[in-house]
Amino acid sequence: MFELFLISLAVLALLSVVFEEVTHINKAKTTLFFGCVSWLALFIDASFTNHTPKIIYELNENLLEIATLWLFLMSTMTFVAYLNAKGMIQALVQTLFPQKVSVRMLMWQVAGFALVLSAICDNVTATLVSLGLLTTFDLDKRTRRRMAILIIFAVNSGGVALITGDVTTLMIFLKGHLNMAQLLILTLPAAFSVMILALIFSKGATGVVTTTPAPSRFTHIDIIIGITFLLTIMSTMVLNILYQVPPVLTFLTGLSIMFLIGQFNHSKKEELKILEYIRQVEYDTLLFFLGILLLVGMLKEIGTLDLLAAIYASHHPDISNFVAGVGSAILDNVPLTAALLKAEPVLTTAEWLGLTYSVGVGGSLLVIGSAAGIIAMSKIKELTFVSYLRYFPALLFCYAIGYIMTLWLAHTVYG
């Protein structure tokens, strides 16, 4: 009965996100409220069963995960806020994209850009930079929403083939179930499914959009900071692979270097001191993450994820993997993958590849199913849970196409 009450809190939190447009209550406030109440209930229940030390330990573990994500997001968002304010993202767009382009071609180009970028850096950075591209073009609401959804799907797809691109891929790799050469097979289905979605979204798209040329107003200091950002991304990958350095530590180091550069080269003519760009970080996004992760941590604590792992083991892996991907759109794919790995299923190489693709891309089916979706929802006002849900059939179709192609390739190569 108590577990049912806690699950109902998670359902209410989900409904508060779905009906945000009706209630006009910020989703960050409601998810944070239900997340906190769920843990308060856990502590009260634990006091009657003498399990309080266990709940304290689990909460601390959950808060450590949240704090790590918060600091990582804050570091990345501060870099992006600075580069955007200085017009460097717009300068990148003018370099990579033509000043005048058809809507259809722009969709293909943005999809390819997000796909490649997410393969070489984390999903959060790839999402922020890719969404920054949209702000430089004069797009109508419908087109901007479609492109944002395309970016979410492309970002989640691009990371599945490399351990630097997706946490769940890294988790499966570290357990020794797949090696890098085997993971590279996922590049083809990931890219193919993204291109199919771009084709669907671009169907009927007409017109030409332009980006307004921006003067090169950034200084040599801005260029140095831009280079620092790129070096931080590359260092994050290298240090994590070679020495298992957590990405958040590398990014905080890069952020501290950015602040030091600003301290010694700050001009009085600059509107904002570099340290103050932290104020431009959208904390609604961070609070929403906090509420969601508190709820997921609660579901993990009451054994809901373990129950899902048991259900997974009771069906054929090819079917279970597909369903697990759909489930990762509701529950965070990291604890879901952790629960599945903990269950130690006996899978072939082809089946492990299917699981890697599904949990990496499946979160794209709902806007709250991935970090990319949550960030996009906070950045693009036209993108809400309900408006995203309208594209569920197209997203499910492309996800299924990518998954089927993964199985075909994997079974062809590895039997």
Protein backbone atom coordinates (compact mmCIF):
# COMPACT_ATOMS: atom_id res chain seq x y z
CA MET A 1 0.00 0.00 0.00
CA PHE A 2 2.83 2.37 0.91
CA GLU A 3 4.66 1.60 -2.34
CA LEU A 4 1.44 2.32 -4.25
CA PHE A 5 1.24 5.73 -2.57
CA LEU A 6 4.80 6.55 -3.62
CA ILE A 7 4.18 5.41 -7.19
CA SER A 8 1.07 7.61 -7.25
CA LEU A 9 3.26 10.60 -6.35
CA ALA A 10 5.45 9.85 -9.36
CA VAL A 11 2.34 9.58 -11.54
CA LEU A 12 1.04 12.91 -10.21
CA ALA A 13 4.40 14.50 -11.01
CA LEU A 14 4.17 13.17 -14.56
CA LEU A 15 0.61 14.48 -14.89
CA SER A 16 1.72 17.89 -13.64
CA VAL A 17 4.18 18.02 -16.52
CA VAL A 18 1.56 16.83 -19.02
CA PHE A 19 -1.01 19.41 -17.94
CA GLU A 20 1.36 22.32 -17.35
CA GLU A 21 -0.34 24.27 -20.14
CA VAL A 22 -3.70 23.84 -18.37
CA THR A 23 -2.65 24.47 -14.76
CA HIS A 24 -0.01 27.10 -15.63
CA ILE A 25 2.10 25.75 -12.77
CA ASN A 26 5.80 25.49 -13.58
CA LYS A 27 6.79 21.84 -14.00
CA ALA A 28 10.02 22.46 -12.06
CA LYS A 29 7.98 23.40 -8.97
CA THR A 30 5.63 20.43 -9.12
CA THR A 31 8.27 17.77 -9.81
CA LEU A 32 10.47 19.18 -7.04
CA PHE A 33 7.51 19.14 -4.63
CA PHE A 34 6.51 15.54 -5.35
CA GLY A 35 10.15 14.44 -5.34
CA CYS A 36 10.73 15.92 -1.88
CA VAL A 37 7.43 14.61 -0.49
CA SER A 38 8.26 11.09 -1.69
CA TRP A 39 11.55 11.08 0.25
CA LEU A 40 9.88 12.59 3.33
CA ALA A 41 7.43 9.69 3.21
CA LEU A 42 10.33 7.23 2.91
CA PHE A 43 11.96 8.65 6.04
CA ILE A 44 8.71 8.58 8.02
CA ASP A 45 8.08 4.97 7.01
CA ALA A 46 11.69 4.02 7.81
CA SER A 47 11.33 5.31 11.38
CA PHE A 48 8.74 2.58 12.05
CA THR A 49 10.88 -0.20 10.57
CA ASN A 50 14.32 0.88 11.86
CA HIS A 51 15.60 1.40 8.29
CA THR A 52 16.45 5.07 8.71
CA PRO A 53 20.25 4.59 8.26
CA LYS A 54 19.61 2.82 4.95
CA ILE A 55 17.34 5.62 3.71
CA ILE A 56 19.92 8.23 4.74
CA TYR A 57 22.57 6.36 2.76
CA GLU A 58 20.33 6.04 -0.31
CA LEU A 59 19.35 9.71 -0.18
CA ASN A 60 22.99 10.75 0.06
CA GLU A 61 23.78 8.57 -2.97
CA ASN A 62 20.88 10.12 -4.87
CA LEU A 63 21.91 13.66 -3.92
CA LEU A 64 25.50 12.94 -4.97
CA GLU A 65 24.26 11.91 -8.41
CA ILE A 66 22.08 15.03 -8.60
CA ALA A 67 24.85 17.34 -7.42
CA THR A 68 27.22 15.88 -10.00
CA LEU A 69 24.71 16.52 -12.77
CA TRP A 70 23.90 20.00 -11.46
CA LEU A 71 27.54 21.07 -11.38
CA PHE A 72 28.13 19.59 -14.82
CA LEU A 73 25.09 21.38 -16.26
CA MET A 74 26.04 24.64 -14.57
CA SER A 75 29.55 24.48 -16.00
CA THR A 76 28.37 23.69 -19.51
CA MET A 77 25.56 26.24 -19.47
CA THR A 78 27.90 28.98 -18.28
CA PHE A 79 30.28 28.34 -21.16
CA VAL A 80 27.42 28.30 -23.68
CA ALA A 81 25.82 31.43 -22.18
CA TYR A 82 29.11 33.30 -22.57
CA LEU A 83 29.75 32.11 -26.13
CA ASN A 84 26.17 32.91 -27.12
CA ALA A 85 26.31 36.40 -25.60
CA LYS A 86 29.52 37.10 -27.51
CA GLY A 87 27.99 35.94 -30.79
CA MET A 88 30.43 33.07 -31.20
CA ILE A 89 27.71 30.46 -31.70
CA GLN A 90 26.20 32.64 -34.42
CA ALA A 91 29.65 32.96 -35.98
CA LEU A 92 29.90 29.15 -35.97
CA VAL A 93 26.55 28.93 -37.73
CA GLN A 94 27.66 31.42 -40.38
CA THR A 95 30.79 29.35 -40.95
CA LEU A 96 29.11 25.94 -41.16
CA PHE A 97 25.72 26.87 -42.62
CA PRO A 98 24.83 29.10 -45.58
CA GLN A 99 23.30 32.47 -44.73
CA LYS A 100 20.25 31.57 -46.81
CA VAL A 101 18.97 27.99 -46.86
CA SER A 102 15.73 26.12 -47.49
CA VAL A 103 13.86 24.81 -44.44
CA ARG A 104 14.16 21.26 -45.76
CA MET A 105 17.92 21.45 -46.21
CA LEU A 106 18.34 23.13 -42.83
CA MET A 107 16.60 20.19 -41.13
CA TRP A 108 19.05 17.75 -42.71
CA GLN A 109 22.03 19.91 -41.80
CA VAL A 110 20.94 20.44 -38.18
CA ALA A 111 20.25 16.70 -37.78
CA GLY A 112 23.70 15.82 -39.10
CA PHE A 113 25.39 18.45 -36.94
CA ALA A 114 23.68 17.27 -33.72
CA LEU A 115 24.37 13.61 -34.59
CA VAL A 116 28.10 14.14 -35.09
CA LEU A 117 28.52 16.54 -32.17
CA SER A 118 26.81 14.18 -29.70
CA ALA A 119 29.15 11.37 -30.73
CA ILE A 120 32.24 13.30 -29.67
CA CYS A 121 30.96 15.13 -26.60
CA ASP A 122 28.30 14.70 -23.94
CA ASN A 123 24.58 14.98 -24.67
CA VAL A 124 24.12 18.11 -22.57
CA THR A 125 26.75 20.11 -24.45
CA ALA A 126 25.58 18.78 -27.82
CA THR A 127 21.99 19.78 -27.03
CA LEU A 128 22.85 23.28 -25.84
CA VAL A 129 25.06 24.05 -28.82
CA SER A 130 22.60 22.54 -31.33
CA LEU A 131 19.67 24.47 -29.85
CA GLY A 132 21.84 27.58 -30.00
CA LEU A 133 21.91 27.13 -33.77
CA LEU A 134 18.12 27.43 -33.95
CA THR A 135 18.14 30.85 -32.31
CA THR A 136 20.22 32.25 -35.16
CA PHE A 137 17.57 31.45 -37.80
CA ASP A 138 14.22 33.14 -38.29
CA LEU A 139 11.93 30.11 -37.88
CA ASP A 140 8.19 29.85 -37.32
CA LYS A 141 6.95 28.07 -34.19
CA ARG A 142 6.06 24.78 -35.88
CA THR A 143 9.40 24.51 -37.66
CA ARG A 144 11.35 25.44 -34.53
CA ARG A 145 9.50 22.79 -32.54
CA ARG A 146 10.16 20.13 -35.18
CA MET A 147 13.83 21.00 -35.34
CA ALA A 148 14.12 20.88 -31.55
CA ILE A 149 12.58 17.38 -31.54
CA LEU A 150 14.91 16.36 -34.37
CA ILE A 151 17.88 17.61 -32.32
CA ILE A 152 16.75 15.58 -29.28
CA PHE A 153 16.48 12.39 -31.34
CA ALA A 154 19.77 13.06 -33.14
CA VAL A 155 21.66 13.84 -29.92
CA ASN A 156 20.43 10.67 -28.21
CA SER A 157 21.18 8.60 -31.33
CA GLY A 158 24.64 10.00 -31.95
CA GLY A 159 26.01 8.95 -28.59
CA VAL A 160 25.13 5.24 -28.65
CA ALA A 161 28.09 4.10 -30.76
CA LEU A 162 30.86 5.66 -28.66
CA ILE A 163 31.56 5.48 -24.93
CA THR A 164 32.19 9.23 -24.95
CA GLY A 165 28.69 9.97 -26.22
CA ASP A 166 26.32 8.19 -23.84
CA VAL A 167 26.51 7.11 -20.20
CA THR A 168 24.55 3.90 -20.75
CA THR A 169 26.89 2.87 -23.57
CA LEU A 170 29.83 3.49 -21.22
CA MET A 171 28.17 1.40 -18.47
CA ILE A 172 27.67 -1.59 -20.77
CA PHE A 173 31.22 -1.21 -22.12
CA LEU A 174 32.79 -1.09 -18.65
CA LYS A 175 31.00 -4.31 -17.72
CA GLY A 176 32.89 -5.97 -20.57
CA HIS A 177 29.82 -6.96 -22.60
CA LEU A 178 30.89 -5.04 -25.74
CA ASN A 179 34.12 -3.61 -27.11
CA MET A 180 34.62 -0.42 -29.11
CA ALA A 181 34.73 -2.16 -32.49
CA GLN A 182 31.41 -3.87 -31.77
CA LEU A 183 29.81 -0.61 -30.65
CA LEU A 184 30.75 1.11 -33.91
CA ILE A 185 28.16 -1.06 -35.68
CA LEU A 186 25.51 1.12 -34.02
CA THR A 187 26.68 4.12 -36.06
CA LEU A 188 24.76 2.97 -39.15
CA PRO A 189 21.31 2.36 -37.58
CA ALA A 190 21.63 5.51 -35.46
CA ALA A 191 22.43 7.71 -38.46
CA PHE A 192 19.83 6.00 -40.67
CA SER A 193 16.99 6.47 -38.16
CA VAL A 194 17.88 10.16 -37.71
CA MET A 195 17.86 10.72 -41.47
CA ILE A 196 14.47 8.99 -41.72
CA LEU A 197 13.08 11.35 -39.06
CA ALA A 198 14.58 14.34 -40.90
CA LEU A 199 12.90 13.09 -44.07
CA ILE A 200 9.53 12.78 -42.32
CA PHE A 201 9.78 16.21 -40.69
CA SER A 202 10.96 17.91 -43.87
CA LYS A 203 8.09 16.50 -45.93
CA GLY A 204 5.93 19.42 -46.95
CA ALA A 205 8.40 21.92 -45.52
CA THR A 206 8.65 24.92 -47.78
CA GLY A 207 10.29 28.29 -47.77
CA VAL A 208 13.71 29.70 -47.16
CA VAL A 209 15.15 30.95 -43.89
CA THR A 210 18.02 33.32 -43.31
CA THR A 211 20.39 34.14 -40.51
CA THR A 212 21.24 37.73 -39.85
CA PRO A 213 24.96 38.39 -40.26
CA ALA A 214 26.52 39.35 -36.97
CA PRO A 215 29.57 41.59 -36.73
CA SER A 216 32.69 40.01 -35.30
CA ARG A 217 32.52 41.83 -32.01
CA PHE A 218 34.33 39.21 -29.96
CA THR A 219 37.89 39.87 -28.83
CA HIS A 220 40.97 37.69 -28.62
CA ILE A 221 39.96 36.90 -25.02
CA ASP A 222 36.63 35.53 -26.27
CA ILE A 223 38.48 33.36 -28.77
CA ILE A 224 40.74 32.06 -25.98
CA ILE A 225 37.67 31.16 -23.92
CA GLY A 226 36.09 29.45 -26.93
CA ILE A 227 39.25 27.40 -27.38
CA THR A 228 39.19 26.64 -23.64
CA PHE A 229 35.66 25.27 -24.08
CA LEU A 230 36.75 22.98 -26.93
CA LEU A 231 39.82 21.82 -25.01
CA THR A 232 37.63 21.12 -21.98
CA ILE A 233 35.35 18.90 -24.09
CA MET A 234 38.29 16.98 -25.54
CA SER A 235 39.99 16.70 -22.14
CA THR A 236 36.77 15.35 -20.66
CA MET A 237 36.80 12.46 -23.14
CA VAL A 238 40.53 11.72 -22.90
CA LEU A 239 40.81 11.89 -19.10
CA ASN A 240 37.68 9.81 -18.62
CA ILE A 241 38.89 7.07 -20.97
CA LEU A 242 42.50 6.98 -19.75
CA TYR A 243 42.14 7.75 -16.05
CA GLN A 244 38.39 7.46 -15.30
CA VAL A 245 38.28 11.14 -14.28
CA PRO A 246 34.59 12.12 -13.80
CA PRO A 247 33.47 14.54 -16.55
CA VAL A 248 32.16 17.01 -13.96
CA LEU A 249 35.67 17.46 -12.49
CA THR A 250 37.20 18.22 -15.89
CA PHE A 251 34.44 20.68 -16.76
CA LEU A 252 34.74 22.47 -13.42
CA THR A 253 38.48 22.76 -14.06
CA GLY A 254 37.76 24.27 -17.49
CA LEU A 255 35.25 26.67 -15.92
CA SER A 256 37.80 27.79 -13.33
CA ILE A 257 40.30 28.49 -16.13
CA MET A 258 37.62 30.54 -17.88
CA PHE A 259 37.10 32.60 -14.72
CA LEU A 260 40.85 33.16 -14.29
CA ILE A 261 41.16 34.31 -17.89
CA GLY A 262 38.37 36.78 -17.29
CA GLN A 263 39.90 37.98 -14.02
CA PHE A 264 43.24 38.87 -15.58
CA ASN A 265 41.89 40.24 -18.85
CA HIS A 266 38.61 41.85 -17.86
CA SER A 267 37.73 45.09 -19.58
CA LYS A 268 35.60 47.74 -17.86
CA LYS A 269 33.67 48.19 -21.10
CA GLU A 270 32.31 44.65 -20.88
CA GLU A 271 28.69 44.57 -19.76
CA LEU A 272 29.05 41.51 -17.57
CA LYS A 273 32.00 40.13 -15.72
CA ILE A 274 32.70 36.56 -16.73
CA LEU A 275 31.81 35.13 -13.32
CA GLU A 276 28.38 36.74 -13.60
CA TYR A 277 27.46 34.65 -16.63
CA ILE A 278 26.47 31.96 -14.12
CA ARG A 279 23.41 34.14 -13.49
CA GLN A 280 22.28 33.50 -17.06
CA VAL A 281 21.98 29.77 -16.39
CA GLU A 282 18.29 28.77 -16.41
CA TYR A 283 17.77 27.28 -12.99
CA ASP A 284 14.28 26.07 -13.89
CA THR A 285 16.04 23.37 -15.90
CA LEU A 286 18.21 22.41 -12.93
CA LEU A 287 15.24 22.32 -10.53
CA PHE A 288 13.31 20.15 -12.96
CA PHE A 289 16.25 17.75 -13.10
CA LEU A 290 16.37 17.74 -9.30
CA GLY A 291 12.70 16.80 -8.98
CA ILE A 292 12.85 14.12 -11.68
CA LEU A 293 15.97 12.47 -10.24
CA LEU A 294 14.53 12.51 -6.71
CA LEU A 295 11.48 10.66 -8.02
CA VAL A 296 13.58 8.16 -9.99
CA GLY A 297 15.75 7.59 -6.91
CA MET A 298 12.60 6.90 -4.88
CA LEU A 299 11.36 4.38 -7.47
CA LYS A 300 14.73 2.69 -7.34
CA GLU A 301 14.60 2.57 -3.55
CA ILE A 302 11.19 0.84 -3.42
CA GLY A 303 12.31 -1.77 -5.96
CA THR A 304 10.30 -0.64 -8.98
CA LEU A 305 13.37 -0.81 -11.21
CA ASP A 306 14.23 -4.28 -9.91
CA LEU A 307 10.70 -5.37 -10.81
CA LEU A 308 11.26 -4.09 -14.34
CA ALA A 309 14.51 -6.08 -14.51
CA ALA A 310 12.60 -9.21 -13.50
CA ILE A 311 10.00 -8.59 -16.21
CA TYR A 312 12.83 -8.06 -18.68
CA ALA A 313 14.31 -11.48 -17.91
CA SER A 314 10.95 -13.23 -18.48
CA HIS A 315 10.77 -12.44 -22.22
CA HIS A 316 12.94 -12.91 -25.29
CA PRO A 317 15.84 -10.40 -25.18
CA ASP A 318 15.00 -8.87 -28.56
CA ILE A 319 11.50 -8.02 -27.34
CA SER A 320 12.63 -7.03 -23.84
CA ASN A 321 15.30 -4.69 -25.24
CA PHE A 322 12.76 -2.90 -27.41
CA VAL A 323 10.38 -2.47 -24.47
CA ALA A 324 13.25 -1.39 -22.20
CA GLY A 325 13.97 1.44 -24.64
CA VAL A 326 10.35 2.55 -24.49
CA GLY A 327 10.51 2.33 -20.70
CA SER A 328 13.57 4.56 -20.63
CA ALA A 329 11.34 7.36 -21.94
CA ILE A 330 9.53 7.30 -18.59
CA LEU A 331 12.29 6.24 -16.21
CA ASP A 332 15.81 7.61 -16.40
CA ASN A 333 17.86 5.28 -18.61
CA VAL A 334 20.88 5.27 -16.28
CA PRO A 335 19.25 3.62 -13.23
CA LEU A 336 17.19 1.44 -15.59
CA THR A 337 20.37 0.22 -17.30
CA ALA A 338 22.04 -0.23 -13.91
CA ALA A 339 19.14 -2.41 -12.75
CA LEU A 340 19.31 -4.51 -15.92
CA LEU A 341 23.08 -4.96 -15.57
CA LYS A 342 22.62 -5.90 -11.93
CA ALA A 343 20.21 -8.64 -13.00
CA GLU A 344 23.10 -10.08 -15.09
CA PRO A 345 21.08 -11.31 -18.09
CA VAL A 346 22.80 -13.83 -20.34
CA LEU A 347 22.82 -12.14 -23.77
CA THR A 348 24.64 -12.64 -27.04
CA THR A 349 26.73 -9.84 -28.58
CA ALA A 350 23.85 -9.02 -30.94
CA GLU A 351 21.42 -8.76 -28.02
CA TRP A 352 23.78 -6.51 -26.03
CA LEU A 353 24.00 -4.23 -29.06
CA GLY A 354 20.20 -4.16 -29.21
CA LEU A 355 20.03 -3.19 -25.53
CA THR A 356 22.66 -0.46 -25.99
CA TYR A 357 20.74 1.09 -28.88
CA SER A 358 17.34 0.86 -27.18
CA VAL A 359 18.25 2.44 -23.82
CA GLY A 360 20.29 5.12 -25.57
CA VAL A 361 17.68 6.20 -28.13
CA GLY A 362 14.42 5.17 -26.44
CA GLY A 363 14.44 8.18 -24.13
CA SER A 364 13.70 10.34 -27.18
CA LEU A 365 10.12 9.03 -27.34
CA LEU A 366 8.99 11.41 -24.60
CA VAL A 367 10.33 14.88 -23.92
CA ILE A 368 11.02 13.99 -20.26
CA GLY A 369 12.82 10.78 -21.23
CA SER A 370 16.30 12.23 -21.66
CA ALA A 371 18.52 15.09 -20.56
CA ALA A 372 18.37 16.45 -24.11
CA GLY A 373 14.57 16.59 -23.97
CA ILE A 374 14.41 18.27 -20.59
CA ILE A 375 16.91 20.92 -21.66
CA ALA A 376 15.10 21.52 -24.95
CA MET A 377 11.75 21.88 -23.17
CA SER A 378 13.20 24.60 -20.98
CA LYS A 379 14.86 26.40 -23.90
CA ILE A 380 12.18 26.20 -26.61
CA LYS A 381 8.90 27.67 -25.35
CA GLU A 382 6.91 26.04 -28.16
CA LEU A 383 8.03 22.60 -26.94
CA THR A 384 5.78 21.15 -24.22
CA PHE A 385 4.97 17.61 -23.13
CA VAL A 386 1.68 17.62 -25.07
CA SER A 387 3.11 19.19 -28.23
CA TYR A 388 5.98 16.67 -28.16
CA LEU A 389 3.51 13.81 -27.71
CA ARG A 390 1.97 14.61 -31.10
CA TYR A 391 5.17 13.41 -32.73
CA PHE A 392 5.29 10.14 -30.77
CA PRO A 393 4.20 7.96 -33.74
CA ALA A 394 6.99 9.33 -35.97
CA LEU A 395 9.56 8.98 -33.19
CA LEU A 396 8.43 5.43 -32.36
CA PHE A 397 8.62 4.50 -36.05
CA CYS A 398 12.18 5.81 -36.42
CA TYR A 399 13.22 4.21 -33.13
CA ALA A 400 11.80 0.88 -34.35
CA ILE A 401 13.55 1.22 -37.71
CA GLY A 402 16.87 1.86 -35.98
CA TYR A 403 16.34 -1.03 -33.58
CA ILE A 404 15.41 -3.48 -36.35
CA MET A 405 18.44 -2.39 -38.37
CA THR A 406 20.62 -2.86 -35.27
CA LEU A 407 19.38 -6.43 -34.84
CA TRP A 408 19.82 -7.22 -38.53
CA LEU A 409 23.39 -5.90 -38.63
CA ALA A 410 24.34 -7.43 -35.27
CA HIS A 411 22.93 -10.88 -36.08
CA THR A 412 24.49 -10.77 -39.56
CA VAL A 413 27.96 -9.99 -38.19
CA TYR A 414 27.90 -11.89 -34.90
CA GLY A 415 25.22 -14.50 -35.50
